[in-house]
Amino acid sequence: MNGQNKGTFSDTNLRIFAQMTGLSLDQFDECLSTNKYLAKVQADRDAAVDAGVNSTPTFFINGENIGGLQEYGNYRVKIEKALAEVGD
């Protein structure tokens, strides 16, 4: 993984983020040191890549990948089209 344990997402900073959000640091430290959820995270990442996700945010409407951040009007048109199709 590129950038792992570097900069913003270093273990030290992740621990600070955990503390700031009120997580139990004992549980967080155990999870981080044992990679408890690593397989689940990798599976979710692989599923996202398989679905065509290559950036965040990515949005799907009726299973169609409409890409990343766009103007509100672009989403509205696609949502209204999807709603019209459901109403038929």
N, C-alpha and C. Protein backbone atom coordinates (compact mmCIF):
# COMPACT_ATOMS: atom_id res chain seq x y z
N MET A 1 0.84 -1.18 0.00
CA MET A 1 0.00 0.00 0.00
C MET A 1 0.89 1.24 0.00
N ASN A 2 0.64 2.11 -0.93
CA ASN A 2 1.40 3.35 -0.99
C ASN A 2 1.01 4.25 0.17
N GLY A 3 2.00 4.83 0.81
CA GLY A 3 1.74 5.79 1.87
C GLY A 3 1.40 5.20 3.22
N GLN A 4 1.43 3.88 3.34
CA GLN A 4 1.08 3.25 4.60
C GLN A 4 2.03 3.70 5.70
N ASN A 5 1.45 4.07 6.84
CA ASN A 5 2.21 4.49 8.02
C ASN A 5 3.05 5.73 7.76
N LYS A 6 2.57 6.61 6.93
CA LYS A 6 3.30 7.83 6.62
C LYS A 6 2.38 9.03 6.80
N GLY A 7 2.95 10.15 7.14
CA GLY A 7 2.22 11.41 7.18
C GLY A 7 0.96 11.38 8.01
N THR A 8 -0.11 11.84 7.42
CA THR A 8 -1.38 11.99 8.11
C THR A 8 -1.87 10.69 8.72
N PHE A 9 -1.63 9.57 8.06
CA PHE A 9 -2.16 8.29 8.51
C PHE A 9 -1.12 7.41 9.19
N SER A 10 -0.15 8.03 9.83
CA SER A 10 0.81 7.27 10.61
C SER A 10 0.09 6.66 11.82
N ASP A 11 0.65 5.62 12.37
CA ASP A 11 0.04 4.99 13.55
C ASP A 11 -0.17 6.00 14.67
N THR A 12 0.80 6.89 14.85
CA THR A 12 0.68 7.90 15.90
C THR A 12 -0.52 8.81 15.66
N ASN A 13 -0.67 9.27 14.44
CA ASN A 13 -1.80 10.14 14.13
C ASN A 13 -3.12 9.40 14.19
N LEU A 14 -3.15 8.16 13.75
CA LEU A 14 -4.39 7.38 13.85
C LEU A 14 -4.81 7.23 15.30
N ARG A 15 -3.86 7.05 16.18
CA ARG A 15 -4.16 6.92 17.62
C ARG A 15 -4.72 8.24 18.15
N ILE A 16 -4.16 9.36 17.70
CA ILE A 16 -4.68 10.67 18.11
C ILE A 16 -6.12 10.84 17.61
N PHE A 17 -6.38 10.46 16.36
CA PHE A 17 -7.74 10.54 15.82
C PHE A 17 -8.69 9.68 16.64
N ALA A 18 -8.24 8.48 17.00
CA ALA A 18 -9.07 7.57 17.80
C ALA A 18 -9.41 8.21 19.14
N GLN A 19 -8.43 8.79 19.76
CA GLN A 19 -8.64 9.43 21.06
C GLN A 19 -9.60 10.62 20.91
N MET A 20 -9.44 11.40 19.87
CA MET A 20 -10.29 12.57 19.65
C MET A 20 -11.75 12.19 19.43
N THR A 21 -11.98 11.01 18.87
CA THR A 21 -13.35 10.58 18.60
C THR A 21 -13.95 9.78 19.74
N GLY A 22 -13.18 9.59 20.81
CA GLY A 22 -13.71 8.92 21.99
C GLY A 22 -13.62 7.41 21.95
N LEU A 23 -12.87 6.85 21.04
CA LEU A 23 -12.72 5.40 21.01
C LEU A 23 -11.94 4.92 22.22
N SER A 24 -12.17 3.68 22.59
CA SER A 24 -11.37 3.05 23.64
C SER A 24 -9.97 2.82 23.08
N LEU A 25 -8.97 3.48 23.66
CA LEU A 25 -7.62 3.34 23.14
C LEU A 25 -7.07 1.94 23.33
N ASP A 26 -7.47 1.24 24.40
CA ASP A 26 -7.02 -0.14 24.58
C ASP A 26 -7.52 -1.01 23.42
N GLN A 27 -8.80 -0.89 23.09
CA GLN A 27 -9.35 -1.68 21.99
C GLN A 27 -8.74 -1.25 20.65
N PHE A 28 -8.56 0.05 20.47
CA PHE A 28 -7.97 0.55 19.24
C PHE A 28 -6.55 0.02 19.07
N ASP A 29 -5.75 0.12 20.13
CA ASP A 29 -4.36 -0.35 20.05
C ASP A 29 -4.30 -1.84 19.73
N GLU A 30 -5.18 -2.63 20.36
CA GLU A 30 -5.20 -4.07 20.09
C GLU A 30 -5.57 -4.34 18.63
N CYS A 31 -6.58 -3.65 18.16
CA CYS A 31 -7.03 -3.83 16.78
C CYS A 31 -5.92 -3.45 15.80
N LEU A 32 -5.29 -2.31 16.05
CA LEU A 32 -4.24 -1.83 15.16
C LEU A 32 -3.02 -2.75 15.17
N SER A 33 -2.62 -3.21 16.33
CA SER A 33 -1.40 -4.02 16.42
C SER A 33 -1.59 -5.44 15.89
N THR A 34 -2.81 -5.94 15.89
CA THR A 34 -3.06 -7.31 15.42
C THR A 34 -3.63 -7.37 14.00
N ASN A 35 -3.90 -6.19 13.42
CA ASN A 35 -4.54 -6.16 12.09
C ASN A 35 -5.84 -6.95 12.08
N LYS A 36 -6.60 -6.83 13.16
CA LYS A 36 -7.82 -7.60 13.37
C LYS A 36 -8.78 -7.55 12.17
N TYR A 37 -8.94 -6.39 11.56
CA TYR A 37 -9.90 -6.23 10.48
C TYR A 37 -9.26 -6.06 9.10
N LEU A 38 -7.98 -6.36 9.01
CA LEU A 38 -7.27 -6.15 7.76
C LEU A 38 -7.90 -6.92 6.60
N ALA A 39 -8.25 -8.17 6.80
CA ALA A 39 -8.84 -8.97 5.72
C ALA A 39 -10.17 -8.37 5.27
N LYS A 40 -10.98 -7.89 6.20
CA LYS A 40 -12.27 -7.28 5.87
C LYS A 40 -12.06 -5.98 5.09
N VAL A 41 -11.12 -5.16 5.53
CA VAL A 41 -10.85 -3.90 4.84
C VAL A 41 -10.34 -4.19 3.42
N GLN A 42 -9.44 -5.15 3.28
CA GLN A 42 -8.93 -5.49 1.95
C GLN A 42 -10.04 -6.03 1.05
N ALA A 43 -10.94 -6.84 1.60
CA ALA A 43 -12.06 -7.37 0.81
C ALA A 43 -12.98 -6.24 0.36
N ASP A 44 -13.26 -5.29 1.25
CA ASP A 44 -14.09 -4.14 0.89
C ASP A 44 -13.41 -3.30 -0.19
N ARG A 45 -12.10 -3.10 -0.05
CA ARG A 45 -11.35 -2.33 -1.04
C ARG A 45 -11.38 -3.04 -2.39
N ASP A 46 -11.17 -4.34 -2.40
CA ASP A 46 -11.20 -5.11 -3.64
C ASP A 46 -12.58 -5.03 -4.30
N ALA A 47 -13.64 -5.10 -3.50
CA ALA A 47 -15.00 -5.00 -4.04
C ALA A 47 -15.22 -3.62 -4.65
N ALA A 48 -14.70 -2.59 -4.01
CA ALA A 48 -14.84 -1.23 -4.55
C ALA A 48 -14.10 -1.10 -5.88
N VAL A 49 -12.89 -1.62 -5.94
CA VAL A 49 -12.12 -1.56 -7.18
C VAL A 49 -12.84 -2.33 -8.28
N ASP A 50 -13.38 -3.51 -7.95
CA ASP A 50 -14.12 -4.31 -8.93
C ASP A 50 -15.36 -3.58 -9.44
N ALA A 51 -15.94 -2.72 -8.59
CA ALA A 51 -17.14 -1.96 -8.97
C ALA A 51 -16.79 -0.68 -9.73
N GLY A 52 -15.50 -0.42 -9.92
CA GLY A 52 -15.09 0.74 -10.68
C GLY A 52 -14.79 1.97 -9.84
N VAL A 53 -14.74 1.82 -8.54
CA VAL A 53 -14.42 2.96 -7.68
C VAL A 53 -12.92 3.23 -7.76
N ASN A 54 -12.58 4.47 -8.10
CA ASN A 54 -11.17 4.84 -8.14
C ASN A 54 -10.90 6.17 -7.46
N SER A 55 -11.92 6.70 -6.79
CA SER A 55 -11.75 7.95 -6.05
C SER A 55 -12.87 8.09 -5.03
N THR A 56 -12.67 8.99 -4.11
CA THR A 56 -13.73 9.31 -3.16
C THR A 56 -14.01 10.80 -3.28
N PRO A 57 -15.27 11.16 -3.24
CA PRO A 57 -16.40 10.24 -3.14
C PRO A 57 -16.72 9.62 -4.50
N THR A 58 -17.37 8.48 -4.48
CA THR A 58 -17.94 7.86 -5.67
C THR A 58 -19.38 7.53 -5.33
N PHE A 59 -20.28 7.82 -6.25
CA PHE A 59 -21.70 7.60 -6.01
C PHE A 59 -22.26 6.62 -7.02
N PHE A 60 -23.21 5.81 -6.56
CA PHE A 60 -23.92 4.88 -7.41
C PHE A 60 -25.41 5.18 -7.31
N ILE A 61 -26.07 5.19 -8.45
CA ILE A 61 -27.52 5.31 -8.49
C ILE A 61 -28.03 4.15 -9.32
N ASN A 62 -28.85 3.32 -8.70
CA ASN A 62 -29.36 2.11 -9.36
C ASN A 62 -28.24 1.27 -9.94
N GLY A 63 -27.13 1.19 -9.20
CA GLY A 63 -26.01 0.37 -9.61
C GLY A 63 -25.09 1.02 -10.63
N GLU A 64 -25.43 2.20 -11.10
CA GLU A 64 -24.59 2.90 -12.08
C GLU A 64 -23.59 3.79 -11.35
N ASN A 65 -22.33 3.60 -11.65
CA ASN A 65 -21.28 4.43 -11.08
C ASN A 65 -21.34 5.79 -11.78
N ILE A 66 -21.69 6.83 -11.01
CA ILE A 66 -21.77 8.16 -11.62
C ILE A 66 -20.55 8.99 -11.29
N GLY A 67 -19.53 8.35 -10.72
CA GLY A 67 -18.25 9.02 -10.52
C GLY A 67 -18.18 9.82 -9.25
N GLY A 68 -17.22 10.69 -9.25
CA GLY A 68 -16.91 11.47 -8.06
C GLY A 68 -17.73 12.74 -7.93
N LEU A 69 -17.19 13.65 -7.19
CA LEU A 69 -17.87 14.90 -6.85
C LEU A 69 -18.23 15.68 -8.11
N GLN A 70 -19.52 16.03 -8.20
CA GLN A 70 -20.04 16.77 -9.34
C GLN A 70 -20.94 17.89 -8.84
N GLU A 71 -21.38 18.70 -9.76
CA GLU A 71 -22.35 19.75 -9.43
C GLU A 71 -23.68 19.11 -9.03
N TYR A 72 -24.40 19.77 -8.14
CA TYR A 72 -25.69 19.27 -7.65
C TYR A 72 -26.63 18.91 -8.80
N GLY A 73 -26.69 19.75 -9.83
CA GLY A 73 -27.60 19.52 -10.94
C GLY A 73 -27.37 18.19 -11.64
N ASN A 74 -26.12 17.75 -11.73
CA ASN A 74 -25.83 16.45 -12.36
C ASN A 74 -26.44 15.31 -11.57
N TYR A 75 -26.34 15.38 -10.24
CA TYR A 75 -26.95 14.35 -9.41
C TYR A 75 -28.46 14.39 -9.53
N ARG A 76 -29.01 15.60 -9.50
CA ARG A 76 -30.47 15.75 -9.56
C ARG A 76 -31.03 15.12 -10.83
N VAL A 77 -30.41 15.37 -11.96
CA VAL A 77 -30.88 14.81 -13.23
C VAL A 77 -30.87 13.29 -13.17
N LYS A 78 -29.79 12.72 -12.68
CA LYS A 78 -29.69 11.25 -12.62
C LYS A 78 -30.67 10.65 -11.62
N ILE A 79 -30.87 11.33 -10.49
CA ILE A 79 -31.83 10.85 -9.49
C ILE A 79 -33.25 10.92 -10.04
N GLU A 80 -33.59 12.02 -10.67
CA GLU A 80 -34.93 12.16 -11.23
C GLU A 80 -35.18 11.13 -12.33
N LYS A 81 -34.17 10.85 -13.13
CA LYS A 81 -34.29 9.82 -14.18
C LYS A 81 -34.53 8.46 -13.54
N ALA A 82 -33.76 8.15 -12.49
CA ALA A 82 -33.93 6.86 -11.80
C ALA A 82 -35.30 6.75 -11.16
N LEU A 83 -35.79 7.83 -10.57
CA LEU A 83 -37.13 7.82 -9.96
C LEU A 83 -38.20 7.62 -11.01
N ALA A 84 -38.02 8.25 -12.17
CA ALA A 84 -39.00 8.09 -13.25
C ALA A 84 -39.03 6.65 -13.74
N GLU A 85 -37.88 6.02 -13.81
CA GLU A 85 -37.83 4.62 -14.25
C GLU A 85 -38.50 3.70 -13.26
N VAL A 86 -38.38 3.99 -11.98
CA VAL A 86 -39.03 3.17 -10.95
C VAL A 86 -40.54 3.35 -11.01
N GLY A 87 -40.99 4.57 -11.34
CA GLY A 87 -42.42 4.87 -11.39
C GLY A 87 -43.14 4.25 -12.56
N ASP A 88 -42.37 3.79 -13.56
CA ASP A 88 -43.01 3.20 -14.76
C ASP A 88 -43.57 1.84 -14.48
